[in-house]
């Protein structure tokens, strides 16, 4: 999944800083997990990993890939391959009606709806799979782990048939080739590290009291809120039939706005995080053109760093899927490291 601010290209730098500067790491908190790329990276190195994000769809993805160390057994369902079963479902196989299908009625061009996020067939498939997963869970046919495993497989499949350029803030006005593909769920990739990993869907301040070797933070860099760019994934994950509005069918997100996205609150948000953190080390991903300047964030880090432990690492920005640094505009990715206690 393409994700705004995704850290695929920064993983090597993150790992190098940890290996070179932080001895004897065994536990990590990923405070703003997003797509889960960094959390999965930490888990693959054997660290006990705590993942968090205040977007629910992100929490769903992380629960399947971070919390679980193996595929759940589905002992009570009576279906040998639930993912294949869901892939083969049609609305005729269920008791659901077209009126139950929220994505079909609101994000595909049917009836009075003109939104072109999904071809109607794929939109309806999303609905009946989502409704079936929910029914199984409410009827105690699947456990909570199994519920999130299946729900993550659906969330991960949606971008491959969505009529978007990368995010859901807008849809294309013509049908992209990918939209003609049939929605197909695949099993989530699970790395086993043998540790009791945890996942949370909460405000970042609620996890600062947790004591780990390292707190990794990748907060928003600018005023662009995350929820509007992924509102459909959030709705599929929650399937709460929200009131929606506007050309894109936006759900209300007043309670999911980030203090890191506002110029008048970003400094205090960073100070709260660094001041109240109970982990031994803090590693922050940011860049030199973000809302808070390099000088301001460095000053806050130095204020709370033990001794002269604060270090700033900078790397030439690399565009998505591009291993060649592109520094024509002076943009640099940054890693701020300090020892807190």
C-alpha atoms as a PDB file:
ATOM      1  CA  UNK A   1       0.000   0.000   0.000  1.00  0.00           C
ATOM      2  CA  UNK A   2       1.315   3.450  -0.920  1.00  0.00           C
ATOM      3  CA  UNK A   3       1.147   5.610   2.166  1.00  0.00           C
ATOM      4  CA  UNK A   4       1.872   9.317   2.598  1.00  0.00           C
ATOM      5  CA  UNK A   5       5.218   9.632   4.320  1.00  0.00           C
ATOM      6  CA  UNK A   6       5.889   5.891   4.023  1.00  0.00           C
ATOM      7  CA  UNK A   7       9.349   4.953   5.239  1.00  0.00           C
ATOM      8  CA  UNK A   8      10.314   2.141   2.862  1.00  0.00           C
ATOM      9  CA  UNK A   9      13.274   4.104   1.538  1.00  0.00           C
ATOM     10  CA  UNK A  10      14.404   5.194   5.004  1.00  0.00           C
ATOM     11  CA  UNK A  11      14.460   1.755   6.635  1.00  0.00           C
ATOM     12  CA  UNK A  12      18.157   1.220   5.957  1.00  0.00           C
ATOM     13  CA  UNK A  13      19.002   4.546   7.597  1.00  0.00           C
ATOM     14  CA  UNK A  14      16.759   3.816  10.582  1.00  0.00           C
ATOM     15  CA  UNK A  15      18.378   0.417  11.058  1.00  0.00           C
ATOM     16  CA  UNK A  16      21.891   1.844  10.734  1.00  0.00           C
ATOM     17  CA  UNK A  17      21.249   4.504  13.386  1.00  0.00           C
ATOM     18  CA  UNK A  18      19.850   1.919  15.784  1.00  0.00           C
ATOM     19  CA  UNK A  19      22.708  -0.530  15.189  1.00  0.00           C
ATOM     20  CA  UNK A  20      25.399   2.145  15.459  1.00  0.00           C
ATOM     21  CA  UNK A  21      24.023   4.331  18.231  1.00  0.00           C
ATOM     22  CA  UNK A  22      21.653   2.324  20.461  1.00  0.00           C
ATOM     23  CA  UNK A  23      23.052  -0.769  22.193  1.00  0.00           C
ATOM     24  CA  UNK A  24      21.063  -3.803  23.320  1.00  0.00           C
ATOM     25  CA  UNK A  25      17.649  -2.983  21.874  1.00  0.00           C
ATOM     26  CA  UNK A  26      14.911  -5.496  22.675  1.00  0.00           C
ATOM     27  CA  UNK A  27      11.653  -3.479  22.648  1.00  0.00           C
ATOM     28  CA  UNK A  28      10.287  -0.668  20.480  1.00  0.00           C
ATOM     29  CA  UNK A  29       7.166   1.502  20.344  1.00  0.00           C
ATOM     30  CA  UNK A  30       6.139   2.720  16.887  1.00  0.00           C
ATOM     31  CA  UNK A  31       3.952   5.641  17.912  1.00  0.00           C
ATOM     32  CA  UNK A  32       2.533   6.590  14.476  1.00  0.00           C
ATOM     33  CA  UNK A  33       2.594   3.278  12.634  1.00  0.00           C
ATOM     34  CA  UNK A  34       0.687   4.196   9.452  1.00  0.00           C
ATOM     35  CA  UNK A  35       1.024   1.348   6.959  1.00  0.00           C
ATOM     36  CA  UNK A  36       3.103  -0.647   9.460  1.00  0.00           C
ATOM     37  CA  UNK A  37       6.288  -0.738   7.355  1.00  0.00           C
ATOM     38  CA  UNK A  38       8.575   0.342  10.198  1.00  0.00           C
ATOM     39  CA  UNK A  39       6.782  -1.790  12.803  1.00  0.00           C
ATOM     40  CA  UNK A  40       7.224  -4.848  10.585  1.00  0.00           C
ATOM     41  CA  UNK A  41      10.859  -3.933  10.159  1.00  0.00           C
ATOM     42  CA  UNK A  42      11.316  -3.806  13.928  1.00  0.00           C
ATOM     43  CA  UNK A  43       9.463  -7.068  14.389  1.00  0.00           C
ATOM     44  CA  UNK A  44      11.637  -8.783  11.775  1.00  0.00           C
ATOM     45  CA  UNK A  45      14.716  -7.932  13.860  1.00  0.00           C
ATOM     46  CA  UNK A  46      13.207  -9.698  16.852  1.00  0.00           C
ATOM     47  CA  UNK A  47      12.262  -6.638  18.892  1.00  0.00           C
ATOM     48  CA  UNK A  48       9.116  -6.823  20.978  1.00  0.00           C
ATOM     49  CA  UNK A  49       7.061  -4.342  18.974  1.00  0.00           C
ATOM     50  CA  UNK A  50       4.278  -2.046  20.160  1.00  0.00           C
ATOM     51  CA  UNK A  51       2.426  -0.435  17.268  1.00  0.00           C
ATOM     52  CA  UNK A  52      -0.038   2.457  17.433  1.00  0.00           C
ATOM     53  CA  UNK A  53      -2.037   4.681  15.128  1.00  0.00           C
ATOM     54  CA  UNK A  54      -5.179   6.749  15.665  1.00  0.00           C
ATOM     55  CA  UNK A  55      -6.586   5.688  12.290  1.00  0.00           C
ATOM     56  CA  UNK A  56      -8.578   2.499  12.724  1.00  0.00           C
ATOM     57  CA  UNK A  57      -7.717   0.947   9.354  1.00  0.00           C
ATOM     58  CA  UNK A  58      -4.028   1.270  10.238  1.00  0.00           C
ATOM     59  CA  UNK A  59      -4.695  -0.461  13.551  1.00  0.00           C
ATOM     60  CA  UNK A  60      -6.437  -3.289  11.678  1.00  0.00           C
ATOM     61  CA  UNK A  61      -3.453  -3.811   9.375  1.00  0.00           C
ATOM     62  CA  UNK A  62      -0.961  -3.734  12.235  1.00  0.00           C
ATOM     63  CA  UNK A  63      -2.992  -6.102  14.393  1.00  0.00           C
ATOM     64  CA  UNK A  64      -2.807  -8.747  11.673  1.00  0.00           C
ATOM     65  CA  UNK A  65       0.878  -8.296  10.864  1.00  0.00           C
ATOM     66  CA  UNK A  66       2.390  -7.152  14.197  1.00  0.00           C
ATOM     67  CA  UNK A  67       0.335  -8.677  17.003  1.00  0.00           C
ATOM     68  CA  UNK A  68      -0.066 -12.093  15.369  1.00  0.00           C
ATOM     69  CA  UNK A  69       2.923 -14.412  15.092  1.00  0.00           C
ATOM     70  CA  UNK A  70       1.130 -17.022  13.015  1.00  0.00           C
ATOM     71  CA  UNK A  71      -1.994 -17.519  10.966  1.00  0.00           C
ATOM     72  CA  UNK A  72      -4.988 -18.041  13.268  1.00  0.00           C
ATOM     73  CA  UNK A  73      -6.585 -21.520  13.100  1.00  0.00           C
ATOM     74  CA  UNK A  74     -10.268 -20.707  12.349  1.00  0.00           C
ATOM     75  CA  UNK A  75     -11.353 -23.745  14.373  1.00  0.00           C
ATOM     76  CA  UNK A  76     -15.012 -22.716  14.797  1.00  0.00           C
ATOM     77  CA  UNK A  77     -15.795 -21.470  11.313  1.00  0.00           C
ATOM     78  CA  UNK A  78     -16.140 -24.808   9.574  1.00  0.00           C
ATOM     79  CA  UNK A  79     -14.513 -23.441   6.415  1.00  0.00           C
ATOM     80  CA  UNK A  80     -11.082 -24.790   5.507  1.00  0.00           C
ATOM     81  CA  UNK A  81      -9.976 -21.701   3.542  1.00  0.00           C
ATOM     82  CA  UNK A  82     -11.908 -18.589   4.639  1.00  0.00           C
ATOM     83  CA  UNK A  83     -10.039 -16.267   2.271  1.00  0.00           C
ATOM     84  CA  UNK A  84     -10.926 -18.416  -0.745  1.00  0.00           C
ATOM     85  CA  UNK A  85     -14.498 -18.604   0.524  1.00  0.00           C
ATOM     86  CA  UNK A  86     -14.710 -14.812   0.735  1.00  0.00           C
ATOM     87  CA  UNK A  87     -13.152 -14.393  -2.701  1.00  0.00           C
ATOM     88  CA  UNK A  88     -15.791 -16.694  -4.201  1.00  0.00           C
ATOM     89  CA  UNK A  89     -18.782 -14.982  -2.539  1.00  0.00           C
ATOM     90  CA  UNK A  90     -21.519 -13.320  -4.559  1.00  0.00           C
ATOM     91  CA  UNK A  91     -24.454 -11.397  -3.149  1.00  0.00           C
ATOM     92  CA  UNK A  92     -26.679 -14.315  -4.129  1.00  0.00           C
ATOM     93  CA  UNK A  93     -24.746 -16.481  -1.651  1.00  0.00           C
ATOM     94  CA  UNK A  94     -25.717 -14.165   1.210  1.00  0.00           C
ATOM     95  CA  UNK A  95     -28.834 -12.762   2.838  1.00  0.00           C
ATOM     96  CA  UNK A  96     -27.720  -9.177   2.148  1.00  0.00           C
ATOM     97  CA  UNK A  97     -29.577  -6.799  -0.140  1.00  0.00           C
ATOM     98  CA  UNK A  98     -28.230  -4.008  -2.304  1.00  0.00           C
ATOM     99  CA  UNK A  99     -29.451  -1.483   0.292  1.00  0.00           C
ATOM    100  CA  UNK A 100     -27.007  -2.985   2.812  1.00  0.00           C
ATOM    101  CA  UNK A 101     -24.031  -2.283   0.556  1.00  0.00           C
ATOM    102  CA  UNK A 102     -22.592   1.057   1.678  1.00  0.00           C
ATOM    103  CA  UNK A 103     -19.550   1.142  -0.601  1.00  0.00           C
ATOM    104  CA  UNK A 104     -21.563   0.086  -3.650  1.00  0.00           C
ATOM    105  CA  UNK A 105     -24.211   2.758  -3.073  1.00  0.00           C
ATOM    106  CA  UNK A 106     -21.832   5.605  -2.233  1.00  0.00           C
ATOM    107  CA  UNK A 107     -18.498   5.058  -3.996  1.00  0.00           C
ATOM    108  CA  UNK A 108     -19.398   3.518  -7.341  1.00  0.00           C
ATOM    109  CA  UNK A 109     -21.474   5.074 -10.143  1.00  0.00           C
ATOM    110  CA  UNK A 110     -24.852   3.443  -9.527  1.00  0.00           C
ATOM    111  CA  UNK A 111     -28.251   5.029  -9.003  1.00  0.00           C
ATOM    112  CA  UNK A 112     -27.858   8.681  -8.039  1.00  0.00           C
ATOM    113  CA  UNK A 113     -24.180   8.295  -7.147  1.00  0.00           C
ATOM    114  CA  UNK A 114     -21.565   9.565  -9.600  1.00  0.00           C
ATOM    115  CA  UNK A 115     -18.427   8.761  -7.572  1.00  0.00           C
ATOM    116  CA  UNK A 116     -15.975   6.594  -9.480  1.00  0.00           C
ATOM    117  CA  UNK A 117     -13.841   5.095  -6.743  1.00  0.00           C
ATOM    118  CA  UNK A 118     -14.686   1.484  -7.666  1.00  0.00           C
ATOM    119  CA  UNK A 119     -16.267  -0.448 -10.474  1.00  0.00           C
ATOM    120  CA  UNK A 120     -19.734  -1.518  -9.231  1.00  0.00           C
ATOM    121  CA  UNK A 121     -18.822  -5.220  -9.160  1.00  0.00           C
ATOM    122  CA  UNK A 122     -15.790  -4.625  -6.941  1.00  0.00           C
ATOM    123  CA  UNK A 123     -17.671  -2.187  -4.722  1.00  0.00           C
ATOM    124  CA  UNK A 124     -20.366  -4.778  -4.047  1.00  0.00           C
ATOM    125  CA  UNK A 125     -17.695  -7.429  -3.437  1.00  0.00           C
ATOM    126  CA  UNK A 126     -16.093  -5.197  -0.807  1.00  0.00           C
ATOM    127  CA  UNK A 127     -19.465  -4.844   0.899  1.00  0.00           C
ATOM    128  CA  UNK A 128     -20.462  -8.496   0.992  1.00  0.00           C
ATOM    129  CA  UNK A 129     -17.013  -9.576   2.199  1.00  0.00           C
ATOM    130  CA  UNK A 130     -17.036  -6.918   4.913  1.00  0.00           C
ATOM    131  CA  UNK A 131     -20.562  -7.774   6.006  1.00  0.00           C
ATOM    132  CA  UNK A 132     -19.737 -11.490   6.096  1.00  0.00           C
ATOM    133  CA  UNK A 133     -16.635 -10.959   8.241  1.00  0.00           C
ATOM    134  CA  UNK A 134     -18.700  -8.892  10.671  1.00  0.00           C
ATOM    135  CA  UNK A 135     -21.440 -11.526  10.805  1.00  0.00           C
ATOM    136  CA  UNK A 136     -18.956 -14.299  11.530  1.00  0.00           C
ATOM    137  CA  UNK A 137     -17.454 -12.265  14.364  1.00  0.00           C
ATOM    138  CA  UNK A 138     -20.776 -11.303  15.945  1.00  0.00           C
ATOM    139  CA  UNK A 139     -21.925 -14.921  15.775  1.00  0.00           C
ATOM    140  CA  UNK A 140     -18.711 -16.069  17.540  1.00  0.00           C
ATOM    141  CA  UNK A 141     -17.638 -18.119  14.535  1.00  0.00           C
ATOM    142  CA  UNK A 142     -14.283 -16.345  14.463  1.00  0.00           C
ATOM    143  CA  UNK A 143     -12.077 -14.967  17.235  1.00  0.00           C
ATOM    144  CA  UNK A 144     -10.861 -11.397  17.486  1.00  0.00           C
ATOM    145  CA  UNK A 145      -7.489 -12.392  15.991  1.00  0.00           C
ATOM    146  CA  UNK A 146      -9.247 -14.117  13.098  1.00  0.00           C
ATOM    147  CA  UNK A 147     -11.501 -11.104  12.614  1.00  0.00           C
ATOM    148  CA  UNK A 148      -8.564  -8.714  12.219  1.00  0.00           C
ATOM    149  CA  UNK A 149      -6.672 -11.193  10.051  1.00  0.00           C
ATOM    150  CA  UNK A 150      -9.549 -11.317   7.543  1.00  0.00           C
ATOM    151  CA  UNK A 151     -10.310  -7.614   7.789  1.00  0.00           C
ATOM    152  CA  UNK A 152      -6.660  -6.761   7.099  1.00  0.00           C
ATOM    153  CA  UNK A 153      -6.714  -8.989   4.025  1.00  0.00           C
ATOM    154  CA  UNK A 154      -9.664  -6.951   2.723  1.00  0.00           C
ATOM    155  CA  UNK A 155      -8.096  -3.564   3.501  1.00  0.00           C
ATOM    156  CA  UNK A 156      -4.867  -4.635   1.797  1.00  0.00           C
ATOM    157  CA  UNK A 157      -6.747  -5.762  -1.315  1.00  0.00           C
ATOM    158  CA  UNK A 158      -8.758  -2.570  -1.877  1.00  0.00           C
ATOM    159  CA  UNK A 159      -5.980  -0.310  -3.279  1.00  0.00           C
ATOM    160  CA  UNK A 160      -5.359  -2.770  -6.135  1.00  0.00           C
ATOM    161  CA  UNK A 161      -8.805  -2.074  -7.622  1.00  0.00           C
ATOM    162  CA  UNK A 162      -9.347   1.537  -6.503  1.00  0.00           C
ATOM    163  CA  UNK A 163      -9.681   4.261  -9.142  1.00  0.00           C
ATOM    164  CA  UNK A 164      -7.168   6.623  -7.528  1.00  0.00           C
ATOM    165  CA  UNK A 165      -3.647   7.891  -8.071  1.00  0.00           C
ATOM    166  CA  UNK A 166      -2.482   6.848  -4.609  1.00  0.00           C
ATOM    167  CA  UNK A 167      -4.820   8.276  -1.990  1.00  0.00           C
ATOM    168  CA  UNK A 168      -8.595   8.579  -1.635  1.00  0.00           C
ATOM    169  CA  UNK A 169      -8.854  12.380  -1.468  1.00  0.00           C
ATOM    170  CA  UNK A 170     -10.063  12.236  -5.093  1.00  0.00           C
ATOM    171  CA  UNK A 171     -10.991   9.676  -7.713  1.00  0.00           C
ATOM    172  CA  UNK A 172     -10.028   9.600 -11.363  1.00  0.00           C
ATOM    173  CA  UNK A 173     -12.560  10.821 -13.914  1.00  0.00           C
ATOM    174  CA  UNK A 174     -11.789   7.873 -16.187  1.00  0.00           C
ATOM    175  CA  UNK A 175     -11.454   4.197 -15.325  1.00  0.00           C
ATOM    176  CA  UNK A 176      -7.869   3.185 -14.664  1.00  0.00           C
ATOM    177  CA  UNK A 177      -6.851  -0.221 -15.979  1.00  0.00           C
ATOM    178  CA  UNK A 178      -6.481  -1.613 -12.444  1.00  0.00           C
ATOM    179  CA  UNK A 179     -10.170  -1.067 -11.700  1.00  0.00           C
ATOM    180  CA  UNK A 180     -11.166  -3.785 -14.157  1.00  0.00           C
ATOM    181  CA  UNK A 181      -9.333  -6.383 -12.079  1.00  0.00           C
ATOM    182  CA  UNK A 182     -11.419  -8.544  -9.782  1.00  0.00           C
ATOM    183  CA  UNK A 183     -11.021  -7.776  -6.092  1.00  0.00           C
ATOM    184  CA  UNK A 184      -9.010 -10.629  -4.586  1.00  0.00           C
ATOM    185  CA  UNK A 185      -8.041 -11.145  -0.976  1.00  0.00           C
ATOM    186  CA  UNK A 186      -4.668 -12.660  -0.125  1.00  0.00           C
ATOM    187  CA  UNK A 187      -3.377 -13.894   3.209  1.00  0.00           C
ATOM    188  CA  UNK A 188      -1.587 -11.218   5.268  1.00  0.00           C
ATOM    189  CA  UNK A 189       2.160 -11.720   5.539  1.00  0.00           C
ATOM    190  CA  UNK A 190       3.015 -12.535   9.149  1.00  0.00           C
ATOM    191  CA  UNK A 191       6.550 -12.504  10.545  1.00  0.00           C
ATOM    192  CA  UNK A 192       6.993 -14.516  13.718  1.00  0.00           C
ATOM    193  CA  UNK A 193       9.373 -13.079  16.295  1.00  0.00           C
ATOM    194  CA  UNK A 194       8.159 -15.117  19.260  1.00  0.00           C
ATOM    195  CA  UNK A 195       7.413 -11.975  21.275  1.00  0.00           C
ATOM    196  CA  UNK A 196       4.240 -10.633  22.853  1.00  0.00           C
ATOM    197  CA  UNK A 197       3.701  -7.756  20.443  1.00  0.00           C
ATOM    198  CA  UNK A 198       0.899  -5.248  21.002  1.00  0.00           C
ATOM    199  CA  UNK A 199      -1.202  -2.932  18.844  1.00  0.00           C
ATOM    200  CA  UNK A 200      -3.158   0.166  19.866  1.00  0.00           C
ATOM    201  CA  UNK A 201      -5.612   2.578  18.279  1.00  0.00           C
ATOM    202  CA  UNK A 202      -5.264   5.588  20.528  1.00  0.00           C
ATOM    203  CA  UNK A 203      -3.870   9.107  20.907  1.00  0.00           C
ATOM    204  CA  UNK A 204      -0.084   9.155  21.091  1.00  0.00           C
ATOM    205  CA  UNK A 205      -0.107  10.646  24.595  1.00  0.00           C
ATOM    206  CA  UNK A 206      -1.702   7.486  26.008  1.00  0.00           C
ATOM    207  CA  UNK A 207       1.392   5.407  25.247  1.00  0.00           C
ATOM    208  CA  UNK A 208       4.133   7.711  26.448  1.00  0.00           C
ATOM    209  CA  UNK A 209       4.153   6.088  29.886  1.00  0.00           C
ATOM    210  CA  UNK A 210       5.035   2.685  28.422  1.00  0.00           C
ATOM    211  CA  UNK A 211       8.671   1.807  29.075  1.00  0.00           C
ATOM    212  CA  UNK A 212      10.597   0.392  26.146  1.00  0.00           C
ATOM    213  CA  UNK A 213      14.181   0.597  24.957  1.00  0.00           C
ATOM    214  CA  UNK A 214      13.172   2.840  22.051  1.00  0.00           C
ATOM    215  CA  UNK A 215      10.258   5.036  21.073  1.00  0.00           C
ATOM    216  CA  UNK A 216      10.149   5.632  17.315  1.00  0.00           C
ATOM    217  CA  UNK A 217       7.964   8.515  16.140  1.00  0.00           C
ATOM    218  CA  UNK A 218       7.013   9.369  12.569  1.00  0.00           C
ATOM    219  CA  UNK A 219       4.381  12.102  13.083  1.00  0.00           C
ATOM    220  CA  UNK A 220       2.799  14.115  10.252  1.00  0.00           C
ATOM    221  CA  UNK A 221       5.201  16.627   8.722  1.00  0.00           C
ATOM    222  CA  UNK A 222       2.761  19.219   7.393  1.00  0.00           C
ATOM    223  CA  UNK A 223      -0.808  20.506   7.640  1.00  0.00           C
ATOM    224  CA  UNK A 224      -2.216  17.717   5.464  1.00  0.00           C
ATOM    225  CA  UNK A 225      -4.388  15.515   7.665  1.00  0.00           C
ATOM    226  CA  UNK A 226      -4.199  11.769   7.033  1.00  0.00           C
ATOM    227  CA  UNK A 227      -7.856  10.769   7.391  1.00  0.00           C
ATOM    228  CA  UNK A 228      -9.157  12.633   4.284  1.00  0.00           C
ATOM    229  CA  UNK A 229      -6.587  10.806   2.184  1.00  0.00           C
ATOM    230  CA  UNK A 230      -7.696   7.391   3.445  1.00  0.00           C
ATOM    231  CA  UNK A 231     -11.336   8.013   4.388  1.00  0.00           C
ATOM    232  CA  UNK A 232     -12.696   5.094   2.357  1.00  0.00           C
ATOM    233  CA  UNK A 233     -10.311   2.607   3.957  1.00  0.00           C
ATOM    234  CA  UNK A 234     -11.380   3.947   7.348  1.00  0.00           C
ATOM    235  CA  UNK A 235     -15.035   3.465   6.429  1.00  0.00           C
ATOM    236  CA  UNK A 236     -14.442  -0.063   5.153  1.00  0.00           C
ATOM    237  CA  UNK A 237     -12.558  -0.921   8.340  1.00  0.00           C
ATOM    238  CA  UNK A 238     -15.254   0.490  10.635  1.00  0.00           C
ATOM    239  CA  UNK A 239     -18.225  -0.197   8.355  1.00  0.00           C
ATOM    240  CA  UNK A 240     -20.282   2.161  10.485  1.00  0.00           C
ATOM    241  CA  UNK A 241     -22.524   3.630   7.749  1.00  0.00           C
ATOM    242  CA  UNK A 242     -21.289   7.179   8.426  1.00  0.00           C
ATOM    243  CA  UNK A 243     -22.888  10.378   7.234  1.00  0.00           C
ATOM    244  CA  UNK A 244     -20.834  11.525   4.270  1.00  0.00           C
ATOM    245  CA  UNK A 245     -20.659  14.731   2.295  1.00  0.00           C
ATOM    246  CA  UNK A 246     -19.074  16.444  -0.676  1.00  0.00           C
ATOM    247  CA  UNK A 247     -17.829  15.266  -4.037  1.00  0.00           C
ATOM    248  CA  UNK A 248     -15.645  12.553  -2.486  1.00  0.00           C
ATOM    249  CA  UNK A 249     -18.130  11.322   0.129  1.00  0.00           C
ATOM    250  CA  UNK A 250     -15.993  12.376   3.077  1.00  0.00           C
ATOM    251  CA  UNK A 251     -16.793  11.066   6.554  1.00  0.00           C
ATOM    252  CA  UNK A 252     -16.529  13.367   9.568  1.00  0.00           C
ATOM    253  CA  UNK A 253     -13.055  13.301  11.115  1.00  0.00           C
ATOM    254  CA  UNK A 254     -13.207  16.059  13.732  1.00  0.00           C
ATOM    255  CA  UNK A 255     -11.962  13.642  16.404  1.00  0.00           C
ATOM    256  CA  UNK A 256      -9.116  12.341  14.219  1.00  0.00           C
ATOM    257  CA  UNK A 257      -7.207  15.532  13.531  1.00  0.00           C
ATOM    258  CA  UNK A 258      -3.578  15.653  14.580  1.00  0.00           C
ATOM    259  CA  UNK A 259      -1.941  18.313  16.721  1.00  0.00           C
ATOM    260  CA  UNK A 260       1.179  17.689  14.626  1.00  0.00           C
ATOM    261  CA  UNK A 261      -0.659  19.113  11.577  1.00  0.00           C
ATOM    262  CA  UNK A 262      -1.221  22.573  13.066  1.00  0.00           C
ATOM    263  CA  UNK A 263       1.395  25.301  13.178  1.00  0.00           C
ATOM    264  CA  UNK A 264       0.152  26.600  16.528  1.00  0.00           C
ATOM    265  CA  UNK A 265       0.232  23.186  18.256  1.00  0.00           C
ATOM    266  CA  UNK A 266       3.051  21.223  16.645  1.00  0.00           C
ATOM    267  CA  UNK A 267       5.797  22.530  18.949  1.00  0.00           C
ATOM    268  CA  UNK A 268       3.850  21.725  22.113  1.00  0.00           C
ATOM    269  CA  UNK A 269       2.955  18.299  20.680  1.00  0.00           C
ATOM    270  CA  UNK A 270       6.624  17.460  20.190  1.00  0.00           C
ATOM    271  CA  UNK A 271       7.504  18.804  23.617  1.00  0.00           C
ATOM    272  CA  UNK A 272       4.785  16.688  25.236  1.00  0.00           C
ATOM    273  CA  UNK A 273       6.027  13.581  23.465  1.00  0.00           C
ATOM    274  CA  UNK A 274       9.685  14.096  24.320  1.00  0.00           C
ATOM    275  CA  UNK A 275       9.116  15.355  27.866  1.00  0.00           C
ATOM    276  CA  UNK A 276       6.687  12.637  28.922  1.00  0.00           C
ATOM    277  CA  UNK A 277       8.291   9.701  27.125  1.00  0.00           C
ATOM    278  CA  UNK A 278       9.343   6.925  29.510  1.00  0.00           C
ATOM    279  CA  UNK A 279      11.335   4.934  26.963  1.00  0.00           C
ATOM    280  CA  UNK A 280      15.110   5.001  27.145  1.00  0.00           C
ATOM    281  CA  UNK A 281      15.730   6.374  23.661  1.00  0.00           C
ATOM    282  CA  UNK A 282      13.681   8.436  21.204  1.00  0.00           C
ATOM    283  CA  UNK A 283      14.152   8.337  17.436  1.00  0.00           C
ATOM    284  CA  UNK A 284      12.079  10.813  15.381  1.00  0.00           C
ATOM    285  CA  UNK A 285      11.590  10.855  11.601  1.00  0.00           C
ATOM    286  CA  UNK A 286      11.023  14.315  10.156  1.00  0.00           C
ATOM    287  CA  UNK A 287      12.328  16.550   7.356  1.00  0.00           C
ATOM    288  CA  UNK A 288      13.859  19.986   6.979  1.00  0.00           C
ATOM    289  CA  UNK A 289      10.799  21.545   5.310  1.00  0.00           C
ATOM    290  CA  UNK A 290       8.213  20.390   7.841  1.00  0.00           C
ATOM    291  CA  UNK A 291       5.916  22.569   9.999  1.00  0.00           C
ATOM    292  CA  UNK A 292       8.470  22.718  12.794  1.00  0.00           C
ATOM    293  CA  UNK A 293      11.904  23.934  11.734  1.00  0.00           C
ATOM    294  CA  UNK A 294      15.065  21.908  12.245  1.00  0.00           C
ATOM    295  CA  UNK A 295      16.287  24.498  14.741  1.00  0.00           C
ATOM    296  CA  UNK A 296      13.065  24.404  16.779  1.00  0.00           C
ATOM    297  CA  UNK A 297      12.866  20.624  16.968  1.00  0.00           C
ATOM    298  CA  UNK A 298      16.584  20.337  17.730  1.00  0.00           C
ATOM    299  CA  UNK A 299      16.161  22.800  20.591  1.00  0.00           C
ATOM    300  CA  UNK A 300      13.349  20.746  22.121  1.00  0.00           C
ATOM    301  CA  UNK A 301      15.401  17.560  21.785  1.00  0.00           C
ATOM    302  CA  UNK A 302      18.439  19.122  23.450  1.00  0.00           C
ATOM    303  CA  UNK A 303      16.255  20.429  26.269  1.00  0.00           C
ATOM    304  CA  UNK A 304      15.274  16.914  27.347  1.00  0.00           C
ATOM    305  CA  UNK A 305      18.246  14.834  26.147  1.00  0.00           C
ATOM    306  CA  UNK A 306      20.478  13.211  28.746  1.00  0.00           C
ATOM    307  CA  UNK A 307      23.896  14.873  28.527  1.00  0.00           C
ATOM    308  CA  UNK A 308      25.073  15.381  24.965  1.00  0.00           C
ATOM    309  CA  UNK A 309      23.132  12.371  23.642  1.00  0.00           C
ATOM    310  CA  UNK A 310      21.176  14.320  21.019  1.00  0.00           C
ATOM    311  CA  UNK A 311      22.225  13.639  17.415  1.00  0.00           C
ATOM    312  CA  UNK A 312      20.718  14.723  14.104  1.00  0.00           C
ATOM    313  CA  UNK A 313      21.132  12.650  10.956  1.00  0.00           C
ATOM    314  CA  UNK A 314      20.185  13.996   7.522  1.00  0.00           C
ATOM    315  CA  UNK A 315      19.774  12.213   4.198  1.00  0.00           C
ATOM    316  CA  UNK A 316      19.050  13.462   0.706  1.00  0.00           C
ATOM    317  CA  UNK A 317      15.389  12.938  -0.104  1.00  0.00           C
ATOM    318  CA  UNK A 318      14.557  10.009  -2.384  1.00  0.00           C
ATOM    319  CA  UNK A 319      11.314   9.850  -4.280  1.00  0.00           C
ATOM    320  CA  UNK A 320       8.982   6.874  -3.938  1.00  0.00           C
ATOM    321  CA  UNK A 321      10.558   3.663  -5.342  1.00  0.00           C
ATOM    322  CA  UNK A 322      13.646   5.646  -6.355  1.00  0.00           C
ATOM    323  CA  UNK A 323      16.963   4.594  -4.825  1.00  0.00           C
ATOM    324  CA  UNK A 324      18.736   7.572  -6.370  1.00  0.00           C
ATOM    325  CA  UNK A 325      18.852  10.608  -4.053  1.00  0.00           C
ATOM    326  CA  UNK A 326      17.010  13.615  -5.459  1.00  0.00           C
ATOM    327  CA  UNK A 327      18.214  16.738  -3.710  1.00  0.00           C
ATOM    328  CA  UNK A 328      17.473  19.311  -6.395  1.00  0.00           C
ATOM    329  CA  UNK A 329      15.068  21.097  -4.066  1.00  0.00           C
ATOM    330  CA  UNK A 330      17.186  20.824  -0.921  1.00  0.00           C
ATOM    331  CA  UNK A 331      14.719  18.540   0.843  1.00  0.00           C
ATOM    332  CA  UNK A 332      16.305  16.242   3.405  1.00  0.00           C
ATOM    333  CA  UNK A 333      14.918  13.370   5.431  1.00  0.00           C
ATOM    334  CA  UNK A 334      15.943  13.595   9.065  1.00  0.00           C
ATOM    335  CA  UNK A 335      16.368  11.322  12.065  1.00  0.00           C
ATOM    336  CA  UNK A 336      16.531  12.947  15.515  1.00  0.00           C
ATOM    337  CA  UNK A 337      18.028  10.697  18.182  1.00  0.00           C
ATOM    338  CA  UNK A 338      18.281  11.325  21.918  1.00  0.00           C
ATOM    339  CA  UNK A 339      18.560   9.435  25.149  1.00  0.00           C
ATOM    340  CA  UNK A 340      15.714  10.373  27.445  1.00  0.00           C
ATOM    341  CA  UNK A 341      16.576   8.583  30.705  1.00  0.00           C
END
